[in-house]
Amino acid sequence: MYQRIRDLREDRDLTQKQIGALLNMSQTGYNQYEIGKNDIPTKVLIQLASFYNTSIDYLLGLTNEIKPYPRNKTL
């Protein structure tokens, strides 16, 4: 999972600081997710999946399909 969020970030030429700002956290806090030192809260997984237009299953490594599932209209 941690490698996937790093790869997605790097593929878009974004810094950890930029993603941290998107998540309203510090670069250091976000770095802890990427290196696997801290577990990623569900709320953050949802934000990352939405931002990268993928599924949480992809982020977690449960599928290799990067395309997201159809989203509910209420989200």
PDB file of N, CA and C in Angstrom:
ATOM      1  N   MET A   1       0.830  -1.189   0.000  1.00  0.00           N
ATOM      2  CA  MET A   1       0.000   0.000   0.000  1.00  0.00           C
ATOM      3  C   MET A   1       0.867   1.243   0.000  1.00  0.00           C
ATOM      4  N   TYR A   2       1.888   1.236   0.812  1.00  0.00           N
ATOM      5  CA  TYR A   2       2.702   2.442   0.976  1.00  0.00           C
ATOM      6  C   TYR A   2       3.429   2.799  -0.320  1.00  0.00           C
ATOM      7  N   GLN A   3       3.891   1.764  -1.032  1.00  0.00           N
ATOM      8  CA  GLN A   3       4.562   2.011  -2.311  1.00  0.00           C
ATOM      9  C   GLN A   3       3.581   2.580  -3.332  1.00  0.00           C
ATOM     10  N   ARG A   4       2.347   2.138  -3.276  1.00  0.00           N
ATOM     11  CA  ARG A   4       1.351   2.635  -4.238  1.00  0.00           C
ATOM     12  C   ARG A   4       1.065   4.110  -4.038  1.00  0.00           C
ATOM     13  N   ILE A   5       0.913   4.555  -2.788  1.00  0.00           N
ATOM     14  CA  ILE A   5       0.622   5.986  -2.610  1.00  0.00           C
ATOM     15  C   ILE A   5       1.840   6.819  -2.995  1.00  0.00           C
ATOM     16  N   ARG A   6       3.026   6.279  -2.801  1.00  0.00           N
ATOM     17  CA  ARG A   6       4.231   6.992  -3.225  1.00  0.00           C
ATOM     18  C   ARG A   6       4.291   7.055  -4.755  1.00  0.00           C
ATOM     19  N   ASP A   7       4.048   5.914  -5.400  1.00  0.00           N
ATOM     20  CA  ASP A   7       4.089   5.874  -6.864  1.00  0.00           C
ATOM     21  C   ASP A   7       3.060   6.822  -7.476  1.00  0.00           C
ATOM     22  N   LEU A   8       1.846   6.836  -6.944  1.00  0.00           N
ATOM     23  CA  LEU A   8       0.816   7.738  -7.462  1.00  0.00           C
ATOM     24  C   LEU A   8       1.244   9.196  -7.320  1.00  0.00           C
ATOM     25  N   ARG A   9       1.824   9.516  -6.185  1.00  0.00           N
ATOM     26  CA  ARG A   9       2.293  10.897  -5.952  1.00  0.00           C
ATOM     27  C   ARG A   9       3.408  11.254  -6.925  1.00  0.00           C
ATOM     28  N   GLU A  10       4.394  10.367  -7.043  1.00  0.00           N
ATOM     29  CA  GLU A  10       5.534  10.648  -7.919  1.00  0.00           C
ATOM     30  C   GLU A  10       5.131  10.689  -9.389  1.00  0.00           C
ATOM     31  N   ASP A  11       4.179   9.852  -9.792  1.00  0.00           N
ATOM     32  CA  ASP A  11       3.705   9.856 -11.183  1.00  0.00           C
ATOM     33  C   ASP A  11       3.110  11.207 -11.570  1.00  0.00           C
ATOM     34  N   ARG A  12       2.635  11.938 -10.581  1.00  0.00           N
ATOM     35  CA  ARG A  12       2.040  13.260 -10.824  1.00  0.00           C
ATOM     36  C   ARG A  12       2.995  14.396 -10.470  1.00  0.00           C
ATOM     37  N   ASP A  13       4.251  14.032 -10.231  1.00  0.00           N
ATOM     38  CA  ASP A  13       5.294  15.024  -9.898  1.00  0.00           C
ATOM     39  C   ASP A  13       4.889  15.919  -8.730  1.00  0.00           C
ATOM     40  N   LEU A  14       4.303  15.309  -7.709  1.00  0.00           N
ATOM     41  CA  LEU A  14       3.905  16.041  -6.511  1.00  0.00           C
ATOM     42  C   LEU A  14       4.874  15.734  -5.375  1.00  0.00           C
ATOM     43  N   THR A  15       5.021  16.682  -4.473  1.00  0.00           N
ATOM     44  CA  THR A  15       5.877  16.478  -3.307  1.00  0.00           C
ATOM     45  C   THR A  15       5.034  15.982  -2.128  1.00  0.00           C
ATOM     46  N   GLN A  16       5.712  15.436  -1.149  1.00  0.00           N
ATOM     47  CA  GLN A  16       5.017  15.039   0.073  1.00  0.00           C
ATOM     48  C   GLN A  16       4.389  16.255   0.740  1.00  0.00           C
ATOM     49  N   LYS A  17       5.055  17.387   0.636  1.00  0.00           N
ATOM     50  CA  LYS A  17       4.524  18.613   1.224  1.00  0.00           C
ATOM     51  C   LYS A  17       3.199  18.996   0.568  1.00  0.00           C
ATOM     52  N   GLN A  18       3.110  18.858  -0.754  1.00  0.00           N
ATOM     53  CA  GLN A  18       1.876  19.194  -1.464  1.00  0.00           C
ATOM     54  C   GLN A  18       0.730  18.261  -1.063  1.00  0.00           C
ATOM     55  N   ILE A  19       1.015  16.969  -0.955  1.00  0.00           N
ATOM     56  CA  ILE A  19      -0.032  16.025  -0.559  1.00  0.00           C
ATOM     57  C   ILE A  19      -0.401  16.248   0.904  1.00  0.00           C
ATOM     58  N   GLY A  20       0.590  16.528   1.735  1.00  0.00           N
ATOM     59  CA  GLY A  20       0.302  16.855   3.131  1.00  0.00           C
ATOM     60  C   GLY A  20      -0.642  18.042   3.238  1.00  0.00           C
ATOM     61  N   ALA A  21      -0.397  19.071   2.433  1.00  0.00           N
ATOM     62  CA  ALA A  21      -1.262  20.259   2.445  1.00  0.00           C
ATOM     63  C   ALA A  21      -2.677  19.890   2.007  1.00  0.00           C
ATOM     64  N   LEU A  22      -2.803  19.047   0.999  1.00  0.00           N
ATOM     65  CA  LEU A  22      -4.110  18.581   0.541  1.00  0.00           C
ATOM     66  C   LEU A  22      -4.861  17.883   1.674  1.00  0.00           C
ATOM     67  N   LEU A  23      -4.122  17.149   2.503  1.00  0.00           N
ATOM     68  CA  LEU A  23      -4.721  16.390   3.600  1.00  0.00           C
ATOM     69  C   LEU A  23      -4.758  17.173   4.914  1.00  0.00           C
ATOM     70  N   ASN A  24      -4.362  18.442   4.853  1.00  0.00           N
ATOM     71  CA  ASN A  24      -4.302  19.300   6.042  1.00  0.00           C
ATOM     72  C   ASN A  24      -3.393  18.723   7.120  1.00  0.00           C
ATOM     73  N   MET A  25      -2.209  18.302   6.696  1.00  0.00           N
ATOM     74  CA  MET A  25      -1.231  17.772   7.637  1.00  0.00           C
ATOM     75  C   MET A  25       0.161  18.176   7.178  1.00  0.00           C
ATOM     76  N   SER A  26       1.143  17.926   8.012  1.00  0.00           N
ATOM     77  CA  SER A  26       2.518  18.290   7.666  1.00  0.00           C
ATOM     78  C   SER A  26       3.126  17.275   6.701  1.00  0.00           C
ATOM     79  N   GLN A  27       4.206  17.680   6.070  1.00  0.00           N
ATOM     80  CA  GLN A  27       4.955  16.769   5.205  1.00  0.00           C
ATOM     81  C   GLN A  27       5.463  15.595   6.017  1.00  0.00           C
ATOM     82  N   THR A  28       5.921  15.851   7.218  1.00  0.00           N
ATOM     83  CA  THR A  28       6.449  14.793   8.078  1.00  0.00           C
ATOM     84  C   THR A  28       5.367  13.770   8.416  1.00  0.00           C
ATOM     85  N   GLY A  29       4.167  14.260   8.721  1.00  0.00           N
ATOM     86  CA  GLY A  29       3.062  13.358   9.014  1.00  0.00           C
ATOM     87  C   GLY A  29       2.716  12.487   7.826  1.00  0.00           C
ATOM     88  N   TYR A  30       2.676  13.093   6.644  1.00  0.00           N
ATOM     89  CA  TYR A  30       2.375  12.321   5.442  1.00  0.00           C
ATOM     90  C   TYR A  30       3.493  11.321   5.154  1.00  0.00           C
ATOM     91  N   ASN A  31       4.723  11.719   5.354  1.00  0.00           N
ATOM     92  CA  ASN A  31       5.864  10.834   5.129  1.00  0.00           C
ATOM     93  C   ASN A  31       5.721   9.552   5.951  1.00  0.00           C
ATOM     94  N   GLN A  32       5.206   9.662   7.161  1.00  0.00           N
ATOM     95  CA  GLN A  32       5.032   8.491   8.022  1.00  0.00           C
ATOM     96  C   GLN A  32       4.080   7.473   7.390  1.00  0.00           C
ATOM     97  N   TYR A  33       3.125   7.944   6.603  1.00  0.00           N
ATOM     98  CA  TYR A  33       2.244   7.034   5.873  1.00  0.00           C
ATOM     99  C   TYR A  33       3.008   6.342   4.749  1.00  0.00           C
ATOM    100  N   GLU A  34       3.765   7.117   3.992  1.00  0.00           N
ATOM    101  CA  GLU A  34       4.469   6.553   2.835  1.00  0.00           C
ATOM    102  C   GLU A  34       5.519   5.521   3.226  1.00  0.00           C
ATOM    103  N   ILE A  35       6.143   5.693   4.364  1.00  0.00           N
ATOM    104  CA  ILE A  35       7.179   4.729   4.765  1.00  0.00           C
ATOM    105  C   ILE A  35       6.602   3.594   5.614  1.00  0.00           C
ATOM    106  N   GLY A  36       5.302   3.652   5.879  1.00  0.00           N
ATOM    107  CA  GLY A  36       4.648   2.579   6.608  1.00  0.00           C
ATOM    108  C   GLY A  36       4.816   2.637   8.113  1.00  0.00           C
ATOM    109  N   LYS A  37       5.278   3.755   8.610  1.00  0.00           N
ATOM    110  CA  LYS A  37       5.460   3.879  10.054  1.00  0.00           C
ATOM    111  C   LYS A  37       4.122   4.072  10.768  1.00  0.00           C
ATOM    112  N   ASN A  38       3.189   4.770  10.139  1.00  0.00           N
ATOM    113  CA  ASN A  38       1.849   4.974  10.694  1.00  0.00           C
ATOM    114  C   ASN A  38       0.807   4.392   9.744  1.00  0.00           C
ATOM    115  N   ASP A  39      -0.218   3.775  10.319  1.00  0.00           N
ATOM    116  CA  ASP A  39      -1.337   3.308   9.505  1.00  0.00           C
ATOM    117  C   ASP A  39      -2.120   4.509   8.989  1.00  0.00           C
ATOM    118  N   ILE A  40      -2.683   4.351   7.804  1.00  0.00           N
ATOM    119  CA  ILE A  40      -3.432   5.440   7.188  1.00  0.00           C
ATOM    120  C   ILE A  40      -4.892   5.337   7.619  1.00  0.00           C
ATOM    121  N   PRO A  41      -5.427   6.381   8.251  1.00  0.00           N
ATOM    122  CA  PRO A  41      -6.840   6.359   8.662  1.00  0.00           C
ATOM    123  C   PRO A  41      -7.777   6.265   7.458  1.00  0.00           C
ATOM    124  N   THR A  42      -8.939   5.702   7.686  1.00  0.00           N
ATOM    125  CA  THR A  42      -9.929   5.536   6.623  1.00  0.00           C
ATOM    126  C   THR A  42     -10.240   6.857   5.931  1.00  0.00           C
ATOM    127  N   LYS A  43     -10.402   7.913   6.707  1.00  0.00           N
ATOM    128  CA  LYS A  43     -10.712   9.229   6.132  1.00  0.00           C
ATOM    129  C   LYS A  43      -9.636   9.652   5.129  1.00  0.00           C
ATOM    130  N   VAL A  44      -8.387   9.410   5.455  1.00  0.00           N
ATOM    131  CA  VAL A  44      -7.281   9.779   4.570  1.00  0.00           C
ATOM    132  C   VAL A  44      -7.261   8.881   3.335  1.00  0.00           C
ATOM    133  N   LEU A  45      -7.545   7.595   3.508  1.00  0.00           N
ATOM    134  CA  LEU A  45      -7.627   6.687   2.356  1.00  0.00           C
ATOM    135  C   LEU A  45      -8.696   7.154   1.372  1.00  0.00           C
ATOM    136  N   ILE A  46      -9.826   7.585   1.907  1.00  0.00           N
ATOM    137  CA  ILE A  46     -10.911   8.084   1.049  1.00  0.00           C
ATOM    138  C   ILE A  46     -10.452   9.335   0.299  1.00  0.00           C
ATOM    139  N   GLN A  47      -9.786  10.238   1.000  1.00  0.00           N
ATOM    140  CA  GLN A  47      -9.304  11.468   0.357  1.00  0.00           C
ATOM    141  C   GLN A  47      -8.286  11.141  -0.738  1.00  0.00           C
ATOM    142  N   LEU A  48      -7.367  10.223  -0.457  1.00  0.00           N
ATOM    143  CA  LEU A  48      -6.340   9.875  -1.447  1.00  0.00           C
ATOM    144  C   LEU A  48      -6.964   9.183  -2.659  1.00  0.00           C
ATOM    145  N   ALA A  49      -7.883   8.257  -2.428  1.00  0.00           N
ATOM    146  CA  ALA A  49      -8.532   7.567  -3.541  1.00  0.00           C
ATOM    147  C   ALA A  49      -9.299   8.550  -4.409  1.00  0.00           C
ATOM    148  N   SER A  50      -9.974   9.481  -3.786  1.00  0.00           N
ATOM    149  CA  SER A  50     -10.714  10.496  -4.543  1.00  0.00           C
ATOM    150  C   SER A  50      -9.758  11.391  -5.324  1.00  0.00           C
ATOM    151  N   PHE A  51      -8.698  11.847  -4.685  1.00  0.00           N
ATOM    152  CA  PHE A  51      -7.740  12.734  -5.340  1.00  0.00           C
ATOM    153  C   PHE A  51      -7.075  12.055  -6.533  1.00  0.00           C
ATOM    154  N   TYR A  52      -6.673  10.794  -6.357  1.00  0.00           N
ATOM    155  CA  TYR A  52      -5.984  10.069  -7.422  1.00  0.00           C
ATOM    156  C   TYR A  52      -6.937   9.365  -8.385  1.00  0.00           C
ATOM    157  N   ASN A  53      -8.253   9.521  -8.155  1.00  0.00           N
ATOM    158  CA  ASN A  53      -9.272   8.899  -8.990  1.00  0.00           C
ATOM    159  C   ASN A  53      -9.038   7.388  -9.120  1.00  0.00           C
ATOM    160  N   THR A  54      -8.923   6.741  -7.980  1.00  0.00           N
ATOM    161  CA  THR A  54      -8.758   5.298  -7.929  1.00  0.00           C
ATOM    162  C   THR A  54      -9.610   4.766  -6.790  1.00  0.00           C
ATOM    163  N   SER A  55      -9.482   3.484  -6.498  1.00  0.00           N
ATOM    164  CA  SER A  55     -10.254   2.889  -5.408  1.00  0.00           C
ATOM    165  C   SER A  55      -9.370   2.660  -4.185  1.00  0.00           C
ATOM    166  N   ILE A  56     -10.002   2.553  -3.054  1.00  0.00           N
ATOM    167  CA  ILE A  56      -9.262   2.216  -1.836  1.00  0.00           C
ATOM    168  C   ILE A  56      -8.691   0.808  -1.972  1.00  0.00           C
ATOM    169  N   ASP A  57      -9.407  -0.085  -2.637  1.00  0.00           N
ATOM    170  CA  ASP A  57      -8.874  -1.431  -2.866  1.00  0.00           C
ATOM    171  C   ASP A  57      -7.546  -1.372  -3.616  1.00  0.00           C
ATOM    172  N   TYR A  58      -7.444  -0.482  -4.596  1.00  0.00           N
ATOM    173  CA  TYR A  58      -6.177  -0.332  -5.316  1.00  0.00           C
ATOM    174  C   TYR A  58      -5.088   0.173  -4.371  1.00  0.00           C
ATOM    175  N   LEU A  59      -5.411   1.190  -3.580  1.00  0.00           N
ATOM    176  CA  LEU A  59      -4.421   1.728  -2.642  1.00  0.00           C
ATOM    177  C   LEU A  59      -3.943   0.653  -1.666  1.00  0.00           C
ATOM    178  N   LEU A  60      -4.855  -0.208  -1.236  1.00  0.00           N
ATOM    179  CA  LEU A  60      -4.517  -1.250  -0.270  1.00  0.00           C
ATOM    180  C   LEU A  60      -3.848  -2.474  -0.901  1.00  0.00           C
ATOM    181  N   GLY A  61      -3.790  -2.502  -2.225  1.00  0.00           N
ATOM    182  CA  GLY A  61      -3.167  -3.631  -2.906  1.00  0.00           C
ATOM    183  C   GLY A  61      -4.083  -4.833  -3.065  1.00  0.00           C
ATOM    184  N   LEU A  62      -5.391  -4.630  -2.914  1.00  0.00           N
ATOM    185  CA  LEU A  62      -6.345  -5.727  -3.057  1.00  0.00           C
ATOM    186  C   LEU A  62      -6.713  -5.989  -4.514  1.00  0.00           C
ATOM    187  N   THR A  63      -6.403  -5.029  -5.386  1.00  0.00           N
ATOM    188  CA  THR A  63      -6.629  -5.176  -6.822  1.00  0.00           C
ATOM    189  C   THR A  63      -5.517  -4.424  -7.550  1.00  0.00           C
ATOM    190  N   ASN A  64      -5.265  -4.853  -8.767  1.00  0.00           N
ATOM    191  CA  ASN A  64      -4.309  -4.130  -9.608  1.00  0.00           C
ATOM    192  C   ASN A  64      -5.021  -3.208 -10.590  1.00  0.00           C
ATOM    193  N   GLU A  65      -6.346  -3.181 -10.516  1.00  0.00           N
ATOM    194  CA  GLU A  65      -7.154  -2.315 -11.381  1.00  0.00           C
ATOM    195  C   GLU A  65      -7.156  -0.902 -10.801  1.00  0.00           C
ATOM    196  N   ILE A  66      -6.501   0.012 -11.502  1.00  0.00           N
ATOM    197  CA  ILE A  66      -6.381   1.380 -10.986  1.00  0.00           C
ATOM    198  C   ILE A  66      -7.668   2.174 -11.165  1.00  0.00           C
ATOM    199  N   LYS A  67      -8.477   1.786 -12.163  1.00  0.00           N
ATOM    200  CA  LYS A  67      -9.736   2.493 -12.428  1.00  0.00           C
ATOM    201  C   LYS A  67     -10.671   2.330 -11.235  1.00  0.00           C
ATOM    202  N   PRO A  68     -11.274   3.426 -10.778  1.00  0.00           N
ATOM    203  CA  PRO A  68     -12.152   3.317  -9.608  1.00  0.00           C
ATOM    204  C   PRO A  68     -13.493   2.679  -9.935  1.00  0.00           C
ATOM    205  N   TYR A  69     -14.142   2.203  -8.895  1.00  0.00           N
ATOM    206  CA  TYR A  69     -15.508   1.724  -9.019  1.00  0.00           C
ATOM    207  C   TYR A  69     -16.413   2.928  -9.241  1.00  0.00           C
ATOM    208  N   PRO A  70     -17.607   2.707  -9.786  1.00  0.00           N
ATOM    209  CA  PRO A  70     -18.564   3.822  -9.870  1.00  0.00           C
ATOM    210  C   PRO A  70     -18.871   4.328  -8.459  1.00  0.00           C
ATOM    211  N   ARG A  71     -18.859   5.619  -8.289  1.00  0.00           N
ATOM    212  CA  ARG A  71     -19.080   6.218  -6.970  1.00  0.00           C
ATOM    213  C   ARG A  71     -20.568   6.472  -6.746  1.00  0.00           C
ATOM    214  N   ASN A  72     -20.963   6.420  -5.464  1.00  0.00           N
ATOM    215  CA  ASN A  72     -22.326   6.786  -5.088  1.00  0.00           C
ATOM    216  C   ASN A  72     -22.523   8.266  -5.303  1.00  0.00           C
ATOM    217  N   LYS A  73     -23.700   8.641  -5.694  1.00  0.00           N
ATOM    218  CA  LYS A  73     -23.995  10.065  -5.915  1.00  0.00           C
ATOM    219  C   LYS A  73     -23.981  10.860  -4.623  1.00  0.00           C
ATOM    220  N   THR A  74     -24.192  10.206  -3.479  1.00  0.00           N
ATOM    221  CA  THR A  74     -24.265  10.903  -2.202  1.00  0.00           C
ATOM    222  C   THR A  74     -22.897  11.288  -1.666  1.00  0.00           C
ATOM    223  N   LEU A  75     -21.822  10.748  -2.229  1.00  0.00           N
ATOM    224  CA  LEU A  75     -20.483  11.069  -1.723  1.00  0.00           C
ATOM    225  C   LEU A  75     -20.003  12.298  -2.335  1.00  0.00           C
TER     226      LEU A  75
END
